[in-house]
C-alpha atoms as a PDB file:
ATOM      1  CA  MET A   1       0.089   0.047   0.006  1.00  0.00           C
ATOM      2  CA  VAL A   2       1.109   3.610  -0.702  1.00  0.00           C
ATOM      3  CA  GLY A   3      -0.003   5.533   1.994  1.00  0.00           C
ATOM      4  CA  ARG A   4      -3.417   6.892   3.072  1.00  0.00           C
ATOM      5  CA  ASP A   5      -4.891  10.266   2.915  1.00  0.00           C
ATOM      6  CA  LEU A   6      -8.051  12.094   3.824  1.00  0.00           C
ATOM      7  CA  GLU A   7      -9.371  11.241   0.245  1.00  0.00           C
ATOM      8  CA  HIS A   8      -8.894   7.517   0.354  1.00  0.00           C
ATOM      9  CA  LEU A   9      -8.145   4.449   2.589  1.00  0.00           C
ATOM     10  CA  ALA A  10      -5.480   3.098   0.864  1.00  0.00           C
ATOM     11  CA  ALA A  11      -4.060   3.183  -2.984  1.00  0.00           C
ATOM     12  CA  ASP A  12      -1.180   0.661  -4.427  1.00  0.00           C
ATOM     13  CA  ASP A  13       1.505   1.222  -6.912  1.00  0.00           C
ATOM     14  CA  ASP A  14      -0.878   0.745 -10.051  1.00  0.00           C
ATOM     15  CA  GLY A  15      -3.023   3.767  -9.238  1.00  0.00           C
ATOM     16  CA  ASN A  16      -5.830   1.614  -7.733  1.00  0.00           C
ATOM     17  CA  ILE A  17      -7.533   3.742  -5.114  1.00  0.00           C
ATOM     18  CA  LEU A  18      -9.525   1.992  -2.293  1.00  0.00           C
ATOM     19  CA  LEU A  19     -12.068   5.115  -1.605  1.00  0.00           C
ATOM     20  CA  ALA A  20     -14.335   3.494   1.176  1.00  0.00           C
ATOM     21  CA  PHE A  21     -15.861   0.357   2.238  1.00  0.00           C
ATOM     22  CA  HIS A  22     -19.096   0.124   3.507  1.00  0.00           C
ATOM     23  CA  PRO A  23     -20.176  -2.658   6.064  1.00  0.00           C
ATOM     24  CA  ALA A  24     -23.442  -4.001   5.107  1.00  0.00           C
ATOM     25  CA  GLY A  25     -24.057  -7.427   7.130  1.00  0.00           C
ATOM     26  CA  ASP A  26     -26.058 -10.151   4.562  1.00  0.00           C
ATOM     27  CA  ASP A  27     -28.106  -6.859   2.761  1.00  0.00           C
ATOM     28  CA  ILE A  28     -26.174  -5.218  -0.090  1.00  0.00           C
ATOM     29  CA  GLY A  29     -28.112  -2.104   0.146  1.00  0.00           C
ATOM     30  CA  VAL A  30     -28.904   0.654  -2.274  1.00  0.00           C
ATOM     31  CA  ARG A  31     -25.725   1.383  -4.449  1.00  0.00           C
ATOM     32  CA  ASP A  32     -25.467   3.600  -7.629  1.00  0.00           C
ATOM     33  CA  ALA A  33     -23.010   1.201  -9.262  1.00  0.00           C
ATOM     34  CA  PRO A  34     -23.122  -2.863  -9.859  1.00  0.00           C
ATOM     35  CA  LEU A  35     -21.257  -5.342  -7.884  1.00  0.00           C
ATOM     36  CA  THR A  36     -18.730  -6.248 -10.599  1.00  0.00           C
ATOM     37  CA  VAL A  37     -16.147  -8.733  -8.267  1.00  0.00           C
ATOM     38  CA  SER A  38     -16.340 -10.621  -5.310  1.00  0.00           C
ATOM     39  CA  LEU A  39     -12.935 -10.953  -3.119  1.00  0.00           C
ATOM     40  CA  VAL A  40     -12.687 -13.443   0.080  1.00  0.00           C
ATOM     41  CA  ALA A  41     -11.281 -12.331   3.528  1.00  0.00           C
ATOM     42  CA  LEU A  42     -10.930 -15.766   4.990  1.00  0.00           C
ATOM     43  CA  TRP A  43      -9.217 -16.123   8.101  1.00  0.00           C
ATOM     44  CA  HIS A  44      -7.910 -19.170  10.344  1.00  0.00           C
ATOM     45  CA  ASP A  45      -5.703 -19.307  13.212  1.00  0.00           C
ATOM     46  CA  GLY A  46      -5.500 -15.810  13.232  1.00  0.00           C
ATOM     47  CA  ARG A  47      -4.012 -15.949   9.340  1.00  0.00           C
ATOM     48  CA  LEU A  48      -5.664 -14.079   6.000  1.00  0.00           C
ATOM     49  CA  LEU A  49      -5.337 -16.516   3.307  1.00  0.00           C
ATOM     50  CA  LEU A  50      -3.792 -14.646   0.009  1.00  0.00           C
ATOM     51  CA  VAL A  51      -3.110 -16.296  -3.232  1.00  0.00           C
ATOM     52  CA  PHE A  52      -0.486 -15.363  -5.481  1.00  0.00           C
ATOM     53  CA  ASN A  53      -1.391 -13.928  -9.074  1.00  0.00           C
ATOM     54  CA  ARG A  54       1.261 -15.096 -11.584  1.00  0.00           C
ATOM     55  CA  GLN A  55       0.047 -12.380 -14.408  1.00  0.00           C
ATOM     56  CA  ARG A  56       0.582  -9.360 -11.680  1.00  0.00           C
ATOM     57  CA  ALA A  57       3.238 -11.039  -9.650  1.00  0.00           C
ATOM     58  CA  CYS A  58       1.734 -10.347  -6.053  1.00  0.00           C
ATOM     59  CA  TRP A  59      -0.219 -11.678  -3.448  1.00  0.00           C
ATOM     60  CA  GLU A  60      -4.124 -10.934  -3.050  1.00  0.00           C
ATOM     61  CA  LEU A  61      -7.102 -12.335  -1.658  1.00  0.00           C
ATOM     62  CA  PRO A  62      -9.100 -14.708  -3.740  1.00  0.00           C
ATOM     63  CA  GLY A  63     -12.082 -13.304  -5.867  1.00  0.00           C
ATOM     64  CA  GLY A  64     -12.907 -12.409  -9.221  1.00  0.00           C
ATOM     65  CA  MET A  65     -16.027 -11.540 -11.793  1.00  0.00           C
ATOM     66  CA  ILE A  66     -19.165 -11.799 -10.767  1.00  0.00           C
ATOM     67  CA  ASP A  67     -20.609 -14.334 -13.386  1.00  0.00           C
ATOM     68  CA  LEU A  68     -24.081 -13.277 -15.157  1.00  0.00           C
ATOM     69  CA  GLY A  69     -26.883 -15.148 -12.799  1.00  0.00           C
ATOM     70  CA  GLU A  70     -24.495 -15.586 -10.182  1.00  0.00           C
ATOM     71  CA  THR A  71     -25.024 -13.670  -6.562  1.00  0.00           C
ATOM     72  CA  PRO A  72     -21.851 -11.967  -5.088  1.00  0.00           C
ATOM     73  CA  ARG A  73     -21.575 -14.644  -2.505  1.00  0.00           C
ATOM     74  CA  GLN A  74     -22.168 -17.604  -5.173  1.00  0.00           C
ATOM     75  CA  ALA A  75     -18.886 -15.870  -6.967  1.00  0.00           C
ATOM     76  CA  ALA A  76     -16.963 -15.338  -3.876  1.00  0.00           C
ATOM     77  CA  ILE A  77     -17.500 -19.277  -3.210  1.00  0.00           C
ATOM     78  CA  ARG A  78     -16.735 -20.207  -6.523  1.00  0.00           C
ATOM     79  CA  GLU A  79     -13.367 -17.807  -6.905  1.00  0.00           C
ATOM     80  CA  LEU A  80     -12.064 -18.815  -3.571  1.00  0.00           C
ATOM     81  CA  HIS A  81     -12.348 -22.965  -4.611  1.00  0.00           C
ATOM     82  CA  GLU A  82     -10.872 -22.098  -8.095  1.00  0.00           C
ATOM     83  CA  GLU A  83      -8.204 -20.058  -6.815  1.00  0.00           C
ATOM     84  CA  ALA A  84      -7.307 -21.513  -3.456  1.00  0.00           C
ATOM     85  CA  GLY A  85      -9.086 -25.163  -3.614  1.00  0.00           C
ATOM     86  CA  CYS A  86     -10.982 -24.671  -0.319  1.00  0.00           C
ATOM     87  CA  GLN A  87     -14.528 -25.812  -0.802  1.00  0.00           C
ATOM     88  CA  VAL A  88     -17.036 -24.048   1.419  1.00  0.00           C
ATOM     89  CA  ASP A  89     -20.866 -23.957   1.681  1.00  0.00           C
ATOM     90  CA  ASP A  90     -21.389 -20.579   2.516  1.00  0.00           C
ATOM     91  CA  LEU A  91     -19.870 -17.143   3.289  1.00  0.00           C
ATOM     92  CA  THR A  92     -20.937 -14.105   5.121  1.00  0.00           C
ATOM     93  CA  PHE A  93     -21.465 -11.080   2.913  1.00  0.00           C
ATOM     94  CA  ALA A  94     -19.585  -8.403   4.814  1.00  0.00           C
ATOM     95  CA  GLY A  95     -19.971  -5.207   2.679  1.00  0.00           C
ATOM     96  CA  TYR A  96     -18.975  -3.505  -0.276  1.00  0.00           C
ATOM     97  CA  ALA A  97     -16.248  -0.982  -1.147  1.00  0.00           C
ATOM     98  CA  ARG A  98     -16.001   1.740  -3.505  1.00  0.00           C
ATOM     99  CA  PHE A  99     -12.662   1.746  -5.833  1.00  0.00           C
ATOM    100  CA  ALA A 100     -11.090   3.854  -8.389  1.00  0.00           C
ATOM    101  CA  LEU A 101      -9.295   1.926 -10.586  1.00  0.00           C
ATOM    102  CA  GLY A 102      -6.103   3.153 -12.138  1.00  0.00           C
ATOM    103  CA  PRO A 103      -4.871   3.727 -16.015  1.00  0.00           C
ATOM    104  CA  GLU A 104      -4.346  -0.145 -16.491  1.00  0.00           C
END
């Protein structure tokens, strides 16, 4: 992460900026844009699961695009299995983030 200021929570070297995180329990609530990706923060014994993305050459949370007809939860469960080999029956929806993506 490349710092933090009053305008955003975090940023990376590629210019992606985390603007906000909105806790939502199990209800996504009202948004002005559709959810396009799901990420999984899976904790076990005080450790967070990360997967290595070979294309970007970095460690990141498992997750990816929400396919047509999928809920964010279904996409997260599928992506967790595809990227980390972990099979779970259910996940808790924690909320949603607002990002500004970098030029790439």
